[in-house]
Every structure is written in C-alpha cells, then in structure tokens.
C-alpha cells in the first residue's frame, strides 16, 4: 500500500522515490560479541532523492543472533529490529555510485535464554532447596542508536549493490551489518 501511495505521489510531484531490500550477515561488536555469534537478517528501505547527490529515507530491518551456549543448555538468542531515518550522500551519480551516510532511530531488542533444571538440595532427608524445572526467560527493550554506513549502487532505475553499516546502540546490542541488495527508483 505504501508503494502504491508513493508511486501516485511521485507521478504528481515529479520527485524521485526508491524502494529496496537488502539481506546479509551481522557481526556483533563490543560486549555484544562476548555473548553472541554472527547473525543474519536484512532490511527494507524507502528513500526520497533531495537532489542528484543527497537522499533521505526510512529503513526497517530484522537481524537474528544466536548466543554462545555457555554454560551448556542456556541457548541464548537475540532479535533486533532497527527502525531508523537515514541520509545518504552520493559521491558519484552515474555508473558506479558510492555513498556515505548515517541513520538515527530506535532498535527494538528481544532476548531469550533457558535456565537448566536443578535437582532438589537435601540434607539428611530434608529438602533445603526445592528442584527447579527448565525455564524459558525473555526480555524486550528499546534502544536508541545511530547507523553510519558506506556502500555503492550500480545501475539506472533498477540498481544493485552492497553496504556496510555499523549499528551502534546506547547499550550492548551493537553490530556491523554487511548487506547486498536491490533498489528500484521511479519518478523523475
């Protein structure tokens, strides 16, 4: 529905809009890398060209990370959903189009882990501490973040390319995402 509205708006305003999708892997950084392994995911983007060299847009993505299984049985996992506004500056506007940019927004973070079952602790036949079954734990939070990026596009209306984005959150969910993707531009 958003794409249909944008196509209609673009045809009346003679502006250039683009929509795209990216997929790739993410490498945890900082304290996040001590607990989690490489993740996978991607994002969708909608952008508006301010002129030949600059564009603003909105990105929404999802990246999933599995944690180091230490101690054995915890099976931690984290899902991040970055929602951010971004700005890109293109160094070249035809053929090979490298760009630099940054984004600002919120990261919705959902984490899960399992605690192991523990047997009852008894002394002389008296239960001192009751047994604990396996338990699933989850937590959700919102984190403010920024996302500096470098990348490039190749092509005309239908473009393909790659990017590297450093998703820096206020606390412990930062990562570098390496993505490949496509983008389609329409309007004049």
Protein backbone atom coordinates (compact mmCIF):
# COMPACT_ATOMS: atom_id res chain seq x y z
CA UNK A 1 0.00 0.00 0.00
CA UNK A 2 2.87 2.35 0.86
CA UNK A 3 4.47 1.68 -2.53
CA UNK A 4 1.19 2.43 -4.38
CA UNK A 5 0.83 5.74 -2.49
CA UNK A 6 4.42 6.67 -3.24
CA UNK A 7 4.06 5.87 -6.95
CA UNK A 8 0.98 8.10 -7.13
CA UNK A 9 2.69 10.87 -5.18
CA UNK A 10 5.87 10.62 -7.29
CA UNK A 11 3.94 10.87 -10.56
CA UNK A 12 2.32 14.14 -9.44
CA UNK A 13 5.36 15.79 -7.86
CA UNK A 14 7.98 14.60 -10.39
CA UNK A 15 10.16 13.61 -7.45
CA UNK A 16 12.34 10.51 -7.40
CA UNK A 17 11.46 7.83 -4.89
CA UNK A 18 13.07 4.44 -4.46
CA UNK A 19 12.20 1.24 -2.65
CA UNK A 20 14.56 -1.59 -1.94
CA UNK A 21 15.54 -4.63 0.07
CA UNK A 22 18.86 -5.86 1.46
CA UNK A 23 20.00 -9.10 3.08
CA UNK A 24 23.22 -10.17 4.71
CA UNK A 25 25.05 -11.02 7.89
CA UNK A 26 25.86 -9.09 11.06
CA UNK A 27 28.96 -9.23 13.24
CA UNK A 28 28.44 -8.36 16.93
CA UNK A 29 30.82 -5.76 18.42
CA UNK A 30 31.79 -4.67 21.93
CA UNK A 31 30.27 -6.56 24.83
CA UNK A 32 27.61 -7.98 22.46
CA UNK A 33 30.29 -10.11 20.75
CA UNK A 34 31.23 -11.75 24.05
CA UNK A 35 27.85 -13.48 24.22
CA UNK A 36 26.57 -13.69 20.64
CA UNK A 37 27.76 -15.19 17.36
CA UNK A 38 27.35 -13.81 13.85
CA UNK A 39 23.74 -13.05 12.95
CA UNK A 40 21.69 -12.91 9.78
CA UNK A 41 18.93 -10.64 8.51
CA UNK A 42 18.21 -7.65 6.33
CA UNK A 43 16.06 -4.58 5.88
CA UNK A 44 13.65 -2.80 3.58
CA UNK A 45 14.12 0.83 2.61
CA UNK A 46 12.10 3.70 1.17
CA UNK A 47 14.01 6.80 0.06
CA UNK A 48 13.37 10.22 -1.46
CA UNK A 49 16.05 11.99 -3.55
CA UNK A 50 16.54 15.58 -2.43
CA UNK A 51 18.80 16.18 -5.47
CA UNK A 52 21.32 14.19 -7.54
CA UNK A 53 23.73 13.79 -4.60
CA UNK A 54 21.51 13.50 -1.50
CA UNK A 55 18.67 11.26 -0.37
CA UNK A 56 16.68 10.76 2.84
CA UNK A 57 14.83 7.60 3.74
CA UNK A 58 13.30 5.22 6.24
CA UNK A 59 14.67 1.74 6.95
CA UNK A 60 13.13 -1.17 8.82
CA UNK A 61 15.02 -4.39 9.34
CA UNK A 62 15.43 -7.51 11.40
CA UNK A 63 18.62 -9.31 12.48
CA UNK A 64 18.73 -12.55 14.46
CA UNK A 65 21.68 -13.63 16.62
CA UNK A 66 22.27 -16.94 18.39
CA UNK A 67 24.37 -16.86 21.51
CA UNK A 68 27.33 -18.80 22.70
CA UNK A 69 25.98 -21.83 24.52
CA UNK A 70 27.92 -21.28 27.73
CA UNK A 71 27.19 -22.68 30.16
CA UNK A 72 25.72 -25.54 28.15
CA UNK A 73 21.95 -25.50 27.77
CA UNK A 74 21.27 -21.75 28.03
CA UNK A 75 20.62 -21.35 24.26
CA UNK A 76 20.55 -17.53 24.28
CA UNK A 77 19.18 -15.68 21.24
CA UNK A 78 18.53 -12.04 20.38
CA UNK A 79 16.41 -10.44 17.70
CA UNK A 80 16.95 -6.76 16.80
CA UNK A 81 14.55 -4.68 14.75
CA UNK A 82 16.20 -1.42 13.64
CA UNK A 83 13.79 1.39 12.70
CA UNK A 84 15.62 4.49 11.54
CA UNK A 85 15.65 7.56 9.32
CA UNK A 86 18.73 7.87 7.17
CA UNK A 87 20.62 10.31 5.00
CA UNK A 88 22.91 9.33 2.10
CA UNK A 89 25.39 11.44 0.16
CA UNK A 90 26.42 10.04 -3.24
CA UNK A 91 29.99 10.68 -4.38
CA UNK A 92 29.08 9.86 -8.00
CA UNK A 93 25.62 9.90 -9.61
CA UNK A 94 26.12 7.63 -12.66
CA UNK A 95 27.50 4.13 -13.21
CA UNK A 96 29.34 3.16 -10.02
CA UNK A 97 27.65 5.25 -7.30
CA UNK A 98 29.49 5.06 -3.95
CA UNK A 99 27.84 6.73 -0.97
CA UNK A 100 28.32 7.56 2.69
CA UNK A 101 25.52 8.15 5.13
CA UNK A 102 24.14 7.88 8.59
CA UNK A 103 20.89 6.94 10.25
CA UNK A 104 19.25 7.68 13.57
CA UNK A 105 16.47 5.76 15.23
CA UNK A 106 15.37 3.08 17.65
CA UNK A 107 16.27 -0.59 17.93
CA UNK A 108 13.69 -2.98 19.33
CA UNK A 109 15.63 -5.78 21.01
CA UNK A 110 14.15 -9.08 22.17
CA UNK A 111 16.33 -11.63 24.00
CA UNK A 112 15.60 -15.18 25.17
CA UNK A 113 17.50 -17.78 27.14
CA UNK A 114 16.85 -21.00 29.05
CA UNK A 115 17.92 -21.89 32.58
CA UNK A 116 18.72 -25.51 33.29
CA UNK A 117 16.79 -27.72 35.66
CA UNK A 118 18.35 -28.14 39.09
CA UNK A 119 17.70 -31.07 41.39
CA UNK A 120 16.42 -30.55 44.89
CA UNK A 121 19.09 -29.96 47.54
CA UNK A 122 18.53 -32.18 50.53
CA UNK A 123 20.35 -32.70 53.80
CA UNK A 124 19.52 -35.68 55.98
CA UNK A 125 16.34 -36.34 54.00
CA UNK A 126 15.11 -32.75 54.49
CA UNK A 127 14.58 -30.63 51.36
CA UNK A 128 16.67 -27.48 51.84
CA UNK A 129 16.06 -26.08 48.34
CA UNK A 130 13.33 -27.43 46.02
CA UNK A 131 14.07 -28.59 42.49
CA UNK A 132 13.78 -26.04 39.68
CA UNK A 133 12.44 -27.08 36.26
CA UNK A 134 13.83 -25.81 32.95
CA UNK A 135 12.63 -22.22 32.49
CA UNK A 136 12.39 -20.00 29.43
CA UNK A 137 13.21 -16.33 30.04
CA UNK A 138 12.65 -13.39 27.72
CA UNK A 139 13.19 -9.65 27.83
CA UNK A 140 12.41 -6.81 25.44
CA UNK A 141 13.79 -3.30 25.29
CA UNK A 142 14.05 -0.24 23.09
CA UNK A 143 17.49 1.22 22.45
CA UNK A 144 18.39 4.50 20.77
CA UNK A 145 21.06 4.19 18.10
CA UNK A 146 22.89 5.60 15.11
CA UNK A 147 23.98 3.79 11.97
CA UNK A 148 26.87 5.19 9.91
CA UNK A 149 27.11 3.45 6.55
CA UNK A 150 29.19 3.17 3.38
CA UNK A 151 28.11 1.44 0.22
CA UNK A 152 27.54 1.62 -3.51
CA UNK A 153 24.86 1.15 -6.15
CA UNK A 154 25.23 0.07 -9.79
CA UNK A 155 22.56 0.53 -12.48
CA UNK A 156 19.90 3.03 -13.55
CA UNK A 157 16.28 2.63 -12.39
CA UNK A 158 16.89 -0.88 -11.09
CA UNK A 159 20.08 -0.85 -9.04
CA UNK A 160 22.02 -3.46 -7.12
CA UNK A 161 24.84 -3.02 -4.67
CA UNK A 162 26.35 -3.63 -1.26
CA UNK A 163 26.79 -1.77 2.01
CA UNK A 164 28.42 -1.96 5.43
CA UNK A 165 26.52 -0.36 8.31
CA UNK A 166 27.69 -0.01 11.91
CA UNK A 167 24.56 -0.23 14.10
CA UNK A 168 25.62 1.49 17.33
CA UNK A 169 23.12 1.23 20.19
CA UNK A 170 23.24 3.04 23.51
CA UNK A 171 23.89 -0.24 25.33
CA UNK A 172 25.02 -3.75 24.45
CA UNK A 173 23.44 -4.65 21.08
CA UNK A 174 25.85 -3.07 18.56
CA UNK A 175 26.88 -4.85 15.36
CA UNK A 176 28.27 -4.31 11.85
CA UNK A 177 25.91 -5.46 9.08
CA UNK A 178 27.27 -6.37 5.63
CA UNK A 179 24.43 -6.49 3.09
CA UNK A 180 23.79 -6.92 -0.61
CA UNK A 181 20.59 -5.62 -2.10
CA UNK A 182 18.48 -4.13 -4.82
CA UNK A 183 16.67 -0.83 -5.15
CA UNK A 184 14.18 0.44 -7.71
CA UNK A 185 13.86 4.16 -8.48
CA UNK A 186 10.79 5.77 -10.02
CA UNK A 187 9.68 9.31 -10.77
CA UNK A 188 11.76 11.99 -12.50
